[in-house]
PDB file of N, CA and C in Angstrom:
ATOM      1  N   MET A   1     199.972 184.494 109.692  1.00  0.00           N
ATOM      2  CA  MET A   1     198.821 183.802 109.213  1.00  0.00           C
ATOM      3  C   MET A   1     198.993 183.505 107.709  1.00  0.00           C
ATOM      4  N   SER A   2     198.585 182.342 107.333  1.00  0.00           N
ATOM      5  CA  SER A   2     198.710 181.937 105.934  1.00  0.00           C
ATOM      6  C   SER A   2     197.325 181.568 105.419  1.00  0.00           C
ATOM      7  N   PHE A   3     197.052 181.977 104.194  1.00  0.00           N
ATOM      8  CA  PHE A   3     195.766 181.702 103.536  1.00  0.00           C
ATOM      9  C   PHE A   3     195.934 180.597 102.485  1.00  0.00           C
ATOM     10  N   ARG A   4     194.944 179.767 102.385  1.00  0.00           N
ATOM     11  CA  ARG A   4     194.872 178.782 101.304  1.00  0.00           C
ATOM     12  C   ARG A   4     194.214 179.479 100.127  1.00  0.00           C
ATOM     13  N   VAL A   5     194.824 179.345  98.963  1.00  0.00           N
ATOM     14  CA  VAL A   5     194.272 179.974  97.771  1.00  0.00           C
ATOM     15  C   VAL A   5     193.631 178.918  96.907  1.00  0.00           C
ATOM     16  N   ARG A   6     192.384 179.143  96.526  1.00  0.00           N
ATOM     17  CA  ARG A   6     191.705 178.227  95.636  1.00  0.00           C
ATOM     18  C   ARG A   6     191.155 179.014  94.433  1.00  0.00           C
ATOM     19  N   TYR A   7     190.824 178.301  93.373  1.00  0.00           N
ATOM     20  CA  TYR A   7     190.348 178.903  92.135  1.00  0.00           C
ATOM     21  C   TYR A   7     188.952 178.419  91.829  1.00  0.00           C
ATOM     22  N   THR A   8     188.080 179.295  91.357  1.00  0.00           N
ATOM     23  CA  THR A   8     186.795 178.840  90.812  1.00  0.00           C
ATOM     24  C   THR A   8     187.052 178.220  89.475  1.00  0.00           C
ATOM     25  N   ARG A   9     186.081 177.511  88.963  1.00  0.00           N
ATOM     26  CA  ARG A   9     186.184 176.924  87.616  1.00  0.00           C
ATOM     27  C   ARG A   9     186.404 178.034  86.573  1.00  0.00           C
ATOM     28  N   GLY A  10     185.684 179.139  86.729  1.00  0.00           N
ATOM     29  CA  GLY A  10     185.820 180.268  85.806  1.00  0.00           C
ATOM     30  C   GLY A  10     187.235 180.830  85.803  1.00  0.00           C
ATOM     31  N   ALA A  11     187.854 180.931  86.969  1.00  0.00           N
ATOM     32  CA  ALA A  11     189.232 181.431  87.073  1.00  0.00           C
ATOM     33  C   ALA A  11     190.212 180.484  86.389  1.00  0.00           C
ATOM     34  N   ARG A  12     189.989 179.188  86.560  1.00  0.00           N
ATOM     35  CA  ARG A  12     190.870 178.203  85.880  1.00  0.00           C
ATOM     36  C   ARG A  12     190.690 178.308  84.372  1.00  0.00           C
ATOM     37  N   ASP A  13     189.466 178.506  83.913  1.00  0.00           N
ATOM     38  CA  ASP A  13     189.216 178.709  82.484  1.00  0.00           C
ATOM     39  C   ASP A  13     189.928 179.973  81.986  1.00  0.00           C
ATOM     40  N   ASP A  14     189.918 181.011  82.800  1.00  0.00           N
ATOM     41  CA  ASP A  14     190.636 182.230  82.421  1.00  0.00           C
ATOM     42  C   ASP A  14     192.116 181.983  82.251  1.00  0.00           C
ATOM     43  N   LEU A  15     192.705 181.237  83.175  1.00  0.00           N
ATOM     44  CA  LEU A  15     194.116 180.905  83.074  1.00  0.00           C
ATOM     45  C   LEU A  15     194.443 180.138  81.799  1.00  0.00           C
ATOM     46  N   ARG A  16     193.608 179.168  81.469  1.00  0.00           N
ATOM     47  CA  ARG A  16     193.831 178.415  80.240  1.00  0.00           C
ATOM     48  C   ARG A  16     193.706 179.329  78.997  1.00  0.00           C
ATOM     49  N   ARG A  17     192.708 180.181  79.010  1.00  0.00           N
ATOM     50  CA  ARG A  17     192.491 181.102  77.884  1.00  0.00           C
ATOM     51  C   ARG A  17     193.670 182.053  77.711  1.00  0.00           C
ATOM     52  N   LEU A  18     194.134 182.650  78.828  1.00  0.00           N
ATOM     53  CA  LEU A  18     195.240 183.605  78.744  1.00  0.00           C
ATOM     54  C   LEU A  18     196.531 182.913  78.295  1.00  0.00           C
ATOM     55  N   TYR A  19     196.779 181.721  78.841  1.00  0.00           N
ATOM     56  CA  TYR A  19     197.987 180.971  78.455  1.00  0.00           C
ATOM     57  C   TYR A  19     197.907 180.562  76.984  1.00  0.00           C
ATOM     58  N   GLY A  20     196.731 180.093  76.558  1.00  0.00           N
ATOM     59  CA  GLY A  20     196.553 179.666  75.163  1.00  0.00           C
ATOM     60  C   GLY A  20     196.742 180.803  74.179  1.00  0.00           C
ATOM     61  N   PHE A  21     196.282 181.987  74.566  1.00  0.00           N
ATOM     62  CA  PHE A  21     196.444 183.164  73.694  1.00  0.00           C
ATOM     63  C   PHE A  21     197.930 183.438  73.444  1.00  0.00           C
ATOM     64  N   LEU A  22     198.712 183.462  74.516  1.00  0.00           N
ATOM     65  CA  LEU A  22     200.152 183.715  74.349  1.00  0.00           C
ATOM     66  C   LEU A  22     200.881 182.553  73.705  1.00  0.00           C
ATOM     67  N   LEU A  23     200.446 181.354  74.001  1.00  0.00           N
ATOM     68  CA  LEU A  23     201.096 180.172  73.472  1.00  0.00           C
ATOM     69  C   LEU A  23     201.084 180.163  71.938  1.00  0.00           C
ATOM     70  N   GLU A  24     200.035 180.670  71.348  1.00  0.00           N
ATOM     71  CA  GLU A  24     199.961 180.751  69.890  1.00  0.00           C
ATOM     72  C   GLU A  24     200.990 181.725  69.313  1.00  0.00           C
ATOM     73  N   LYS A  25     201.434 182.675  70.108  1.00  0.00           N
ATOM     74  CA  LYS A  25     202.353 183.715  69.639  1.00  0.00           C
ATOM     75  C   LYS A  25     203.805 183.469  70.039  1.00  0.00           C
ATOM     76  N   ASP A  26     203.989 183.024  71.314  1.00  0.00           N
ATOM     77  CA  ASP A  26     205.356 182.894  71.838  1.00  0.00           C
ATOM     78  C   ASP A  26     205.337 182.005  73.078  1.00  0.00           C
ATOM     79  N   ILE A  27     205.860 180.783  72.938  1.00  0.00           N
ATOM     80  CA  ILE A  27     205.811 179.830  74.055  1.00  0.00           C
ATOM     81  C   ILE A  27     206.586 180.354  75.272  1.00  0.00           C
ATOM     82  N   GLY A  28     207.678 181.051  75.046  1.00  0.00           N
ATOM     83  CA  GLY A  28     208.473 181.592  76.144  1.00  0.00           C
ATOM     84  C   GLY A  28     207.683 182.647  76.922  1.00  0.00           C
ATOM     85  N   ALA A  29     207.020 183.529  76.201  1.00  0.00           N
ATOM     86  CA  ALA A  29     206.194 184.560  76.840  1.00  0.00           C
ATOM     87  C   ALA A  29     205.041 183.925  77.605  1.00  0.00           C
ATOM     88  N   ALA A  30     204.448 182.862  77.053  1.00  0.00           N
ATOM     89  CA  ALA A  30     203.359 182.187  77.710  1.00  0.00           C
ATOM     90  C   ALA A  30     203.810 181.611  79.074  1.00  0.00           C
ATOM     91  N   ARG A  31     204.977 180.998  79.067  1.00  0.00           N
ATOM     92  CA  ARG A  31     205.526 180.442  80.314  1.00  0.00           C
ATOM     93  C   ARG A  31     205.877 181.537  81.311  1.00  0.00           C
ATOM     94  N   GLN A  32     206.433 182.632  80.824  1.00  0.00           N
ATOM     95  CA  GLN A  32     206.783 183.739  81.718  1.00  0.00           C
ATOM     96  C   GLN A  32     205.526 184.371  82.318  1.00  0.00           C
ATOM     97  N   ALA A  33     204.471 184.518  81.514  1.00  0.00           N
ATOM     98  CA  ALA A  33     203.222 185.056  82.022  1.00  0.00           C
ATOM     99  C   ALA A  33     202.623 184.134  83.088  1.00  0.00           C
ATOM    100  N   ARG A  34     202.636 182.829  82.791  1.00  0.00           N
ATOM    101  CA  ARG A  34     202.126 181.850  83.758  1.00  0.00           C
ATOM    102  C   ARG A  34     202.877 181.966  85.072  1.00  0.00           C
ATOM    103  N   ASP A  35     204.208 182.069  85.006  1.00  0.00           N
ATOM    104  CA  ASP A  35     205.030 182.159  86.212  1.00  0.00           C
ATOM    105  C   ASP A  35     204.755 183.487  86.967  1.00  0.00           C
ATOM    106  N   ALA A  36     204.526 184.558  86.231  1.00  0.00           N
ATOM    107  CA  ALA A  36     204.203 185.864  86.888  1.00  0.00           C
ATOM    108  C   ALA A  36     202.883 185.746  87.630  1.00  0.00           C
ATOM    109  N   ILE A  37     201.898 185.105  87.022  1.00  0.00           N
ATOM    110  CA  ILE A  37     200.618 184.944  87.685  1.00  0.00           C
ATOM    111  C   ILE A  37     200.743 184.077  88.915  1.00  0.00           C
ATOM    112  N   ILE A  38     201.516 182.997  88.820  1.00  0.00           N
ATOM    113  CA  ILE A  38     201.717 182.117  89.991  1.00  0.00           C
ATOM    114  C   ILE A  38     202.400 182.887  91.134  1.00  0.00           C
ATOM    115  N   ARG A  39     203.420 183.695  90.809  1.00  0.00           N
ATOM    116  CA  ARG A  39     204.083 184.465  91.845  1.00  0.00           C
ATOM    117  C   ARG A  39     203.105 185.453  92.480  1.00  0.00           C
ATOM    118  N   GLY A  40     202.285 186.067  91.652  1.00  0.00           N
ATOM    119  CA  GLY A  40     201.299 187.031  92.194  1.00  0.00           C
ATOM    120  C   GLY A  40     200.332 186.343  93.117  1.00  0.00           C
ATOM    121  N   VAL A  41     199.835 185.198  92.714  1.00  0.00           N
ATOM    122  CA  VAL A  41     198.874 184.477  93.539  1.00  0.00           C
ATOM    123  C   VAL A  41     199.527 183.978  94.816  1.00  0.00           C
ATOM    124  N   ASP A  42     200.809 183.621  94.767  1.00  0.00           N
ATOM    125  CA  ASP A  42     201.540 183.225  95.986  1.00  0.00           C
ATOM    126  C   ASP A  42     201.558 184.340  96.999  1.00  0.00           C
ATOM    127  N   PHE A  43     201.573 185.573  96.532  1.00  0.00           N
ATOM    128  CA  PHE A  43     201.560 186.744  97.420  1.00  0.00           C
ATOM    129  C   PHE A  43     200.272 186.736  98.258  1.00  0.00           C
ATOM    130  N   LEU A  44     199.185 186.264  97.691  1.00  0.00           N
ATOM    131  CA  LEU A  44     197.889 186.282  98.377  1.00  0.00           C
ATOM    132  C   LEU A  44     197.899 185.318  99.591  1.00  0.00           C
ATOM    133  N   GLU A  45     198.784 184.366  99.595  1.00  0.00           N
ATOM    134  CA  GLU A  45     198.835 183.434 100.714  1.00  0.00           C
ATOM    135  C   GLU A  45     199.156 184.151 102.017  1.00  0.00           C
ATOM    136  N   HIS A  46     199.791 185.310 101.930  1.00  0.00           N
ATOM    137  CA  HIS A  46     200.234 186.029 103.114  1.00  0.00           C
ATOM    138  C   HIS A  46     199.644 187.421 103.251  1.00  0.00           C
ATOM    139  N   PHE A  47     199.324 188.089 102.155  1.00  0.00           N
ATOM    140  CA  PHE A  47     198.928 189.499 102.224  1.00  0.00           C
ATOM    141  C   PHE A  47     197.716 189.858 101.367  1.00  0.00           C
ATOM    142  N   PRO A  48     196.625 189.131 101.473  1.00  0.00           N
ATOM    143  CA  PRO A  48     195.475 189.441 100.608  1.00  0.00           C
ATOM    144  C   PRO A  48     194.863 190.825 100.875  1.00  0.00           C
ATOM    145  N   PHE A  49     194.936 191.267 102.111  1.00  0.00           N
ATOM    146  CA  PHE A  49     194.310 192.560 102.433  1.00  0.00           C
ATOM    147  C   PHE A  49     195.137 193.749 101.997  1.00  0.00           C
ATOM    148  N   SER A  50     196.324 193.508 101.456  1.00  0.00           N
ATOM    149  CA  SER A  50     197.123 194.612 100.955  1.00  0.00           C
ATOM    150  C   SER A  50     196.752 194.992  99.508  1.00  0.00           C
ATOM    151  N   CYS A  51     195.889 194.189  98.897  1.00  0.00           N
ATOM    152  CA  CYS A  51     195.447 194.445  97.533  1.00  0.00           C
ATOM    153  C   CYS A  51     194.260 195.423  97.541  1.00  0.00           C
ATOM    154  N   ARG A  52     194.063 196.063  96.401  1.00  0.00           N
ATOM    155  CA  ARG A  52     193.033 197.115  96.346  1.00  0.00           C
ATOM    156  C   ARG A  52     191.633 196.493  96.370  1.00  0.00           C
ATOM    157  N   LYS A  53     190.702 197.251  96.927  1.00  0.00           N
ATOM    158  CA  LYS A  53     189.320 196.845  96.981  1.00  0.00           C
ATOM    159  C   LYS A  53     188.706 196.928  95.591  1.00  0.00           C
ATOM    160  N   ALA A  54     187.945 195.922  95.216  1.00  0.00           N
ATOM    161  CA  ALA A  54     187.242 195.919  93.927  1.00  0.00           C
ATOM    162  C   ALA A  54     185.901 196.621  94.051  1.00  0.00           C
ATOM    163  N   ASP A  55     185.371 196.609  95.272  1.00  0.00           N
ATOM    164  CA  ASP A  55     184.073 197.225  95.560  1.00  0.00           C
ATOM    165  C   ASP A  55     184.212 197.969  96.885  1.00  0.00           C
ATOM    166  N   PRO A  56     184.020 199.284  96.901  1.00  0.00           N
ATOM    167  CA  PRO A  56     184.187 200.036  98.145  1.00  0.00           C
ATOM    168  C   PRO A  56     183.269 199.568  99.288  1.00  0.00           C
ATOM    169  N   ASP A  57     182.157 198.913  98.943  1.00  0.00           N
ATOM    170  CA  ASP A  57     181.203 198.459  99.956  1.00  0.00           C
ATOM    171  C   ASP A  57     181.480 197.052 100.440  1.00  0.00           C
ATOM    172  N   ASN A  58     182.442 196.382  99.846  1.00  0.00           N
ATOM    173  CA  ASN A  58     182.766 194.992 100.237  1.00  0.00           C
ATOM    174  C   ASN A  58     184.276 194.894 100.474  1.00  0.00           C
ATOM    175  N   PRO A  59     184.713 194.935 101.706  1.00  0.00           N
ATOM    176  CA  PRO A  59     186.162 194.889 102.000  1.00  0.00           C
ATOM    177  C   PRO A  59     186.810 193.538 101.698  1.00  0.00           C
ATOM    178  N   PHE A  60     186.014 192.525 101.397  1.00  0.00           N
ATOM    179  CA  PHE A  60     186.546 191.198 101.147  1.00  0.00           C
ATOM    180  C   PHE A  60     186.710 190.880  99.654  1.00  0.00           C
ATOM    181  N   LEU A  61     186.138 191.718  98.799  1.00  0.00           N
ATOM    182  CA  LEU A  61     186.300 191.546  97.339  1.00  0.00           C
ATOM    183  C   LEU A  61     187.399 192.463  96.874  1.00  0.00           C
ATOM    184  N   ARG A  62     188.470 191.877  96.354  1.00  0.00           N
ATOM    185  CA  ARG A  62     189.675 192.644  96.057  1.00  0.00           C
ATOM    186  C   ARG A  62     190.254 192.267  94.713  1.00  0.00           C
ATOM    187  N   GLU A  63     191.226 193.076  94.251  1.00  0.00           N
ATOM    188  CA  GLU A  63     191.921 192.835  92.990  1.00  0.00           C
ATOM    189  C   GLU A  63     193.434 192.858  93.229  1.00  0.00           C
ATOM    190  N   LEU A  64     194.072 191.890  92.645  1.00  0.00           N
ATOM    191  CA  LEU A  64     195.511 191.793  92.660  1.00  0.00           C
ATOM    192  C   LEU A  64     196.032 192.188  91.282  1.00  0.00           C
ATOM    193  N   VAL A  65     196.869 193.197  91.212  1.00  0.00           N
ATOM    194  CA  VAL A  65     197.491 193.606  89.963  1.00  0.00           C
ATOM    195  C   VAL A  65     198.799 192.843  89.823  1.00  0.00           C
ATOM    196  N   ILE A  66     198.955 192.147  88.703  1.00  0.00           N
ATOM    197  CA  ILE A  66     200.111 191.300  88.438  1.00  0.00           C
ATOM    198  C   ILE A  66     200.877 191.904  87.271  1.00  0.00           C
ATOM    199  N   SER A  67     202.034 192.415  87.535  1.00  0.00           N
ATOM    200  CA  SER A  67     202.860 193.035  86.487  1.00  0.00           C
ATOM    201  C   SER A  67     203.390 191.985  85.507  1.00  0.00           C
ATOM    202  N   PHE A  68     203.331 192.338  84.235  1.00  0.00           N
ATOM    203  CA  PHE A  68     203.932 191.488  83.200  1.00  0.00           C
ATOM    204  C   PHE A  68     204.074 192.334  81.939  1.00  0.00           C
ATOM    205  N   GLY A  69     205.291 192.603  81.566  1.00  0.00           N
ATOM    206  CA  GLY A  69     205.528 193.421  80.390  1.00  0.00           C
ATOM    207  C   GLY A  69     205.005 194.831  80.577  1.00  0.00           C
ATOM    208  N   SER A  70     204.424 195.391  79.526  1.00  0.00           N
ATOM    209  CA  SER A  70     203.954 196.768  79.613  1.00  0.00           C
ATOM    210  C   SER A  70     202.553 196.854  80.180  1.00  0.00           C
ATOM    211  N   ALA A  71     201.887 195.725  80.411  1.00  0.00           N
ATOM    212  CA  ALA A  71     200.534 195.764  80.972  1.00  0.00           C
ATOM    213  C   ALA A  71     200.480 194.813  82.174  1.00  0.00           C
ATOM    214  N   GLY A  72     200.010 193.615  81.971  1.00  0.00           N
ATOM    215  CA  GLY A  72     199.922 192.620  83.054  1.00  0.00           C
ATOM    216  C   GLY A  72     198.529 192.065  83.178  1.00  0.00           C
ATOM    217  N   TYR A  73     198.235 191.587  84.368  1.00  0.00           N
ATOM    218  CA  TYR A  73     196.979 190.890  84.633  1.00  0.00           C
ATOM    219  C   TYR A  73     196.358 191.420  85.908  1.00  0.00           C
ATOM    220  N   VAL A  74     195.058 191.171  86.025  1.00  0.00           N
ATOM    221  CA  VAL A  74     194.321 191.521  87.234  1.00  0.00           C
ATOM    222  C   VAL A  74     193.543 190.301  87.686  1.00  0.00           C
ATOM    223  N   ALA A  75     193.707 189.910  88.944  1.00  0.00           N
ATOM    224  CA  ALA A  75     192.989 188.779  89.494  1.00  0.00           C
ATOM    225  C   ALA A  75     191.935 189.324  90.473  1.00  0.00           C
ATOM    226  N   LEU A  76     190.687 188.995  90.242  1.00  0.00           N
ATOM    227  CA  LEU A  76     189.604 189.306  91.140  1.00  0.00           C
ATOM    228  C   LEU A  76     189.502 188.179  92.141  1.00  0.00           C
ATOM    229  N   PHE A  77     189.506 188.502  93.436  1.00  0.00           N
ATOM    230  CA  PHE A  77     189.428 187.465  94.434  1.00  0.00           C
ATOM    231  C   PHE A  77     188.607 187.918  95.632  1.00  0.00           C
ATOM    232  N   GLU A  78     188.209 186.925  96.418  1.00  0.00           N
ATOM    233  CA  GLU A  78     187.462 187.219  97.633  1.00  0.00           C
ATOM    234  C   GLU A  78     188.117 186.529  98.814  1.00  0.00           C
ATOM    235  N   VAL A  79     188.244 187.258  99.904  1.00  0.00           N
ATOM    236  CA  VAL A  79     188.714 186.652 101.156  1.00  0.00           C
ATOM    237  C   VAL A  79     187.481 185.985 101.783  1.00  0.00           C
ATOM    238  N   GLU A  80     187.445 184.675 101.726  1.00  0.00           N
ATOM    239  CA  GLU A  80     186.273 183.931 102.171  1.00  0.00           C
ATOM    240  C   GLU A  80     186.146 183.880 103.686  1.00  0.00           C
ATOM    241  N   ASP A  81     187.250 183.622 104.347  1.00  0.00           N
ATOM    242  CA  ASP A  81     187.281 183.528 105.808  1.00  0.00           C
ATOM    243  C   ASP A  81     188.711 183.767 106.272  1.00  0.00           C
ATOM    244  N   GLN A  82     189.001 183.415 107.506  1.00  0.00           N
ATOM    245  CA  GLN A  82     190.316 183.691 108.063  1.00  0.00           C
ATOM    246  C   GLN A  82     191.418 182.833 107.477  1.00  0.00           C
ATOM    247  N   SER A  83     191.053 181.849 106.621  1.00  0.00           N
ATOM    248  CA  SER A  83     192.102 180.998 106.085  1.00  0.00           C
ATOM    249  C   SER A  83     191.978 180.717 104.584  1.00  0.00           C
ATOM    250  N   THR A  84     190.969 181.308 103.897  1.00  0.00           N
ATOM    251  CA  THR A  84     190.757 180.963 102.496  1.00  0.00           C
ATOM    252  C   THR A  84     190.558 182.197 101.635  1.00  0.00           C
ATOM    253  N   VAL A  85     191.271 182.208 100.509  1.00  0.00           N
ATOM    254  CA  VAL A  85     191.127 183.215  99.473  1.00  0.00           C
ATOM    255  C   VAL A  85     190.679 182.496  98.216  1.00  0.00           C
ATOM    256  N   THR A  86     189.662 183.011  97.535  1.00  0.00           N
ATOM    257  CA  THR A  86     189.164 182.385  96.334  1.00  0.00           C
ATOM    258  C   THR A  86     189.362 183.323  95.129  1.00  0.00           C
ATOM    259  N   ILE A  87     190.126 182.841  94.133  1.00  0.00           N
ATOM    260  CA  ILE A  87     190.292 183.600  92.897  1.00  0.00           C
ATOM    261  C   ILE A  87     189.031 183.385  92.099  1.00  0.00           C
ATOM    262  N   LEU A  88     188.385 184.489  91.735  1.00  0.00           N
ATOM    263  CA  LEU A  88     187.112 184.441  91.009  1.00  0.00           C
ATOM    264  C   LEU A  88     187.299 184.558  89.510  1.00  0.00           C
ATOM    265  N   ALA A  89     188.265 185.392  89.094  1.00  0.00           N
ATOM    266  CA  ALA A  89     188.495 185.638  87.678  1.00  0.00           C
ATOM    267  C   ALA A  89     189.887 186.252  87.483  1.00  0.00           C
ATOM    268  N   ILE A  90     190.438 186.056  86.295  1.00  0.00           N
ATOM    269  CA  ILE A  90     191.714 186.651  85.953  1.00  0.00           C
ATOM    270  C   ILE A  90     191.584 187.188  84.532  1.00  0.00           C
ATOM    271  N   ARG A  91     192.045 188.378  84.333  1.00  0.00           N
ATOM    272  CA  ARG A  91     191.961 188.967  82.997  1.00  0.00           C
ATOM    273  C   ARG A  91     193.271 189.728  82.724  1.00  0.00           C
ATOM    274  N   HIS A  92     193.518 189.960  81.447  1.00  0.00           N
ATOM    275  CA  HIS A  92     194.612 190.812  81.045  1.00  0.00           C
ATOM    276  C   HIS A  92     194.184 192.278  81.285  1.00  0.00           C
ATOM    277  N   GLN A  93     195.119 193.133  81.643  1.00  0.00           N
ATOM    278  CA  GLN A  93     194.752 194.510  81.947  1.00  0.00           C
ATOM    279  C   GLN A  93     194.171 195.249  80.751  1.00  0.00           C
ATOM    280  N   LEU A  94     194.458 194.812  79.541  1.00  0.00           N
ATOM    281  CA  LEU A  94     193.907 195.469  78.360  1.00  0.00           C
ATOM    282  C   LEU A  94     192.527 194.955  77.978  1.00  0.00           C
ATOM    283  N   GLU A  95     192.058 193.904  78.628  1.00  0.00           N
ATOM    284  CA  GLU A  95     190.707 193.438  78.394  1.00  0.00           C
ATOM    285  C   GLU A  95     189.728 194.433  79.047  1.00  0.00           C
ATOM    286  N   VAL A  96     188.529 194.466  78.505  1.00  0.00           N
ATOM    287  CA  VAL A  96     187.548 195.445  78.980  1.00  0.00           C
ATOM    288  C   VAL A  96     187.191 195.251  80.452  1.00  0.00           C
ATOM    289  N   ASP A  97     186.827 194.048  80.824  1.00  0.00           N
ATOM    290  CA  ASP A  97     186.429 193.801  82.216  1.00  0.00           C
ATOM    291  C   ASP A  97     186.306 192.283  82.431  1.00  0.00           C
ATOM    292  N   TYR A  98     185.968 191.914  83.640  1.00  0.00           N
ATOM    293  CA  TYR A  98     185.700 190.514  83.934  1.00  0.00           C
ATOM    294  C   TYR A  98     184.411 190.151  83.229  1.00  0.00           C
ATOM    295  N   TYR A  99     184.223 188.924  82.927  1.00  0.00           N
ATOM    296  CA  TYR A  99     182.975 188.502  82.287  1.00  0.00           C
ATOM    297  C   TYR A  99     182.497 187.232  82.931  1.00  0.00           C
TER     298      TYR A  99
END
């Protein structure tokens, strides 16, 4: 089974913000981070239920941990139905929380 992955507007804004932050410091690191996030999200096309639950009472709301350097990123997503996963937010692991 394969899932279609889509992004909310907020998640797309998160991607731009995270990329822009690194771009100001190191264009190579920004590209590597972008590629790591893309690879992580590609994983969701096949194995969304292997990710940790974000809410113990909601088995469809989950978090994907994306390794990058000494920290990485966390993508909050929801399994919408049998064929769709929606990325709700993406943050750096050192950020306080989703907003």
